[in-house]
Amino acid sequence: MPSVKNPNGPSKNRLAAARASARKTSAKQLSRKTREAQHKISKADASRGARTGLLPTSGPNKALSAKKARKLERKMGYALKRKMEAEGEVEMKDVAETKDQKKGKQGTATEDDMAVDTDNIS
């Protein structure tokens, strides 16, 4: 409040209006904070340009380009192969075609090829 000697202070109406506008802006900030918390955008990402539905333009959470995504997918595939080899699983590969099969000649099966091992039948 202004002193009694200074008559140039704000009126009661202006004081009430200032309090009301302060209340309104603090309520807006609170709702904005809850909205950001709802979408879980960090303050650092928001400073890098992230908004709801938009990823930041830099930093660890930025959007991957198509080229980087392909590279990353390739690297993940190699890592998966290494893991499978370490566990002992082997990827099945196609048998290389012989020259006879390429030409279309089918060899006739001999009796040795068609013999059935009857000792292991249970």
Protein backbone atom coordinates (compact mmCIF):
# COMPACT_ATOMS: atom_id res chain seq x y z
CA MET A 1 0.00 0.00 0.00
CA PRO A 2 1.20 3.49 -0.70
CA SER A 3 1.89 5.81 2.16
CA VAL A 4 -0.76 8.30 3.15
CA LYS A 5 1.39 11.14 1.86
CA ASN A 6 1.52 9.61 -1.67
CA PRO A 7 -1.96 9.62 -3.27
CA ASN A 8 -0.69 8.08 -6.54
CA GLY A 9 -1.01 4.37 -5.52
CA PRO A 10 -3.20 1.84 -7.32
CA SER A 11 -6.87 1.82 -6.47
CA LYS A 12 -8.61 -1.12 -4.79
CA ASN A 13 -10.08 -2.12 -8.13
CA ARG A 14 -6.65 -2.23 -9.78
CA LEU A 15 -5.18 -4.23 -6.89
CA ALA A 16 -8.01 -6.78 -7.16
CA ALA A 17 -7.56 -7.01 -10.95
CA ALA A 18 -3.78 -7.56 -10.59
CA ARG A 19 -4.39 -10.35 -8.05
CA ALA A 20 -6.94 -11.97 -10.35
CA SER A 21 -4.61 -11.87 -13.37
CA ALA A 22 -1.76 -13.32 -11.26
CA ARG A 23 -4.09 -16.12 -10.17
CA LYS A 24 -5.03 -16.76 -13.79
CA THR A 25 -1.42 -16.95 -15.05
CA SER A 26 -0.34 -19.26 -12.20
CA ALA A 27 -3.29 -21.54 -13.00
CA LYS A 28 -2.24 -21.61 -16.68
CA GLN A 29 1.33 -22.53 -15.74
CA LEU A 30 0.09 -25.30 -13.46
CA SER A 31 -2.14 -26.75 -16.18
CA ARG A 32 0.76 -26.54 -18.67
CA LYS A 33 3.01 -28.45 -16.27
CA THR A 34 0.39 -31.19 -15.79
CA ARG A 35 -0.08 -31.42 -19.54
CA GLU A 36 3.69 -31.85 -20.06
CA ALA A 37 3.81 -34.43 -17.29
CA GLN A 38 0.95 -36.27 -18.97
CA HIS A 39 2.89 -36.47 -22.25
CA LYS A 40 6.19 -37.07 -20.42
CA ILE A 41 8.27 -34.63 -22.42
CA SER A 42 11.36 -33.75 -20.43
CA LYS A 43 12.31 -30.14 -19.93
CA ALA A 44 15.57 -30.70 -21.83
CA ASP A 45 13.70 -32.20 -24.80
CA ALA A 46 11.20 -29.36 -24.73
CA SER A 47 14.09 -26.90 -24.95
CA ARG A 48 15.31 -28.82 -28.03
CA GLY A 49 11.97 -28.31 -29.77
CA ALA A 50 9.95 -31.33 -28.59
CA ARG A 51 6.21 -30.86 -28.26
CA THR A 52 3.32 -33.30 -28.08
CA GLY A 53 3.60 -35.42 -31.22
CA LEU A 54 6.98 -33.89 -32.18
CA LEU A 55 10.36 -35.34 -31.26
CA PRO A 56 13.30 -33.07 -30.42
CA THR A 57 15.59 -32.04 -33.24
CA SER A 58 18.74 -33.01 -31.35
CA GLY A 59 19.82 -35.01 -28.32
CA PRO A 60 19.31 -38.69 -27.48
CA ASN A 61 15.57 -38.76 -28.18
CA LYS A 62 15.68 -37.15 -31.62
CA ALA A 63 14.00 -38.84 -34.59
CA LEU A 64 16.15 -41.23 -36.60
CA SER A 65 16.62 -40.61 -40.29
CA ALA A 66 15.66 -43.46 -42.61
CA LYS A 67 19.32 -44.08 -43.42
CA LYS A 68 20.33 -44.34 -39.76
CA ALA A 69 17.33 -46.58 -39.06
CA ARG A 70 18.45 -48.99 -41.79
CA LYS A 71 22.01 -49.00 -40.45
CA LEU A 72 20.77 -49.62 -36.92
CA GLU A 73 18.51 -52.45 -38.08
CA ARG A 74 21.44 -54.05 -39.90
CA LYS A 75 23.66 -53.75 -36.80
CA MET A 76 20.94 -55.27 -34.62
CA GLY A 77 20.65 -58.20 -37.05
CA TYR A 78 24.39 -58.83 -36.84
CA ALA A 79 24.26 -58.68 -33.05
CA LEU A 80 21.39 -61.20 -33.05
CA LYS A 81 23.42 -63.56 -35.26
CA ARG A 82 26.42 -63.28 -32.94
CA LYS A 83 24.19 -64.03 -29.95
CA MET A 84 22.67 -67.08 -31.66
CA GLU A 85 26.14 -68.39 -32.59
CA ALA A 86 27.30 -67.93 -29.00
CA GLU A 87 24.31 -69.94 -27.77
CA GLY A 88 25.06 -72.70 -30.27
CA GLU A 89 22.18 -72.17 -32.67
CA VAL A 90 23.21 -72.26 -36.31
CA GLU A 91 21.29 -70.69 -39.15
CA MET A 92 20.24 -73.20 -41.79
CA LYS A 93 21.67 -72.39 -45.21
CA ASP A 94 20.57 -73.68 -48.59
CA VAL A 95 22.69 -76.44 -50.09
CA ALA A 96 24.70 -75.25 -53.07
CA GLU A 97 23.31 -76.62 -56.29
CA THR A 98 25.54 -79.00 -58.22
CA LYS A 99 26.15 -78.73 -61.95
CA ASP A 100 23.87 -81.71 -62.65
CA GLN A 101 20.93 -80.10 -60.85
CA LYS A 102 21.46 -76.81 -62.67
CA LYS A 103 21.25 -78.54 -66.05
CA GLY A 104 18.08 -80.32 -65.03
CA LYS A 105 19.50 -83.84 -65.06
CA GLN A 106 18.03 -85.94 -62.30
CA GLY A 107 20.20 -88.88 -61.27
CA THR A 108 18.40 -92.16 -60.67
CA ALA A 109 18.40 -93.35 -57.09
CA THR A 110 20.42 -96.47 -56.52
CA GLU A 111 19.56 -99.23 -54.08
CA ASP A 112 22.20 -97.93 -51.68
CA ASP A 113 20.49 -94.53 -51.57
CA MET A 114 17.08 -96.05 -50.97
CA ALA A 115 18.22 -98.55 -48.32
CA VAL A 116 16.47 -98.12 -44.97
CA ASP A 117 18.35 -98.61 -41.74
CA THR A 118 16.16 -101.22 -40.05
CA ASP A 119 18.36 -101.59 -36.95
CA ASN A 120 17.22 -98.29 -35.40
CA ILE A 121 13.49 -98.74 -35.94
CA SER A 122 11.67 -98.81 -32.64
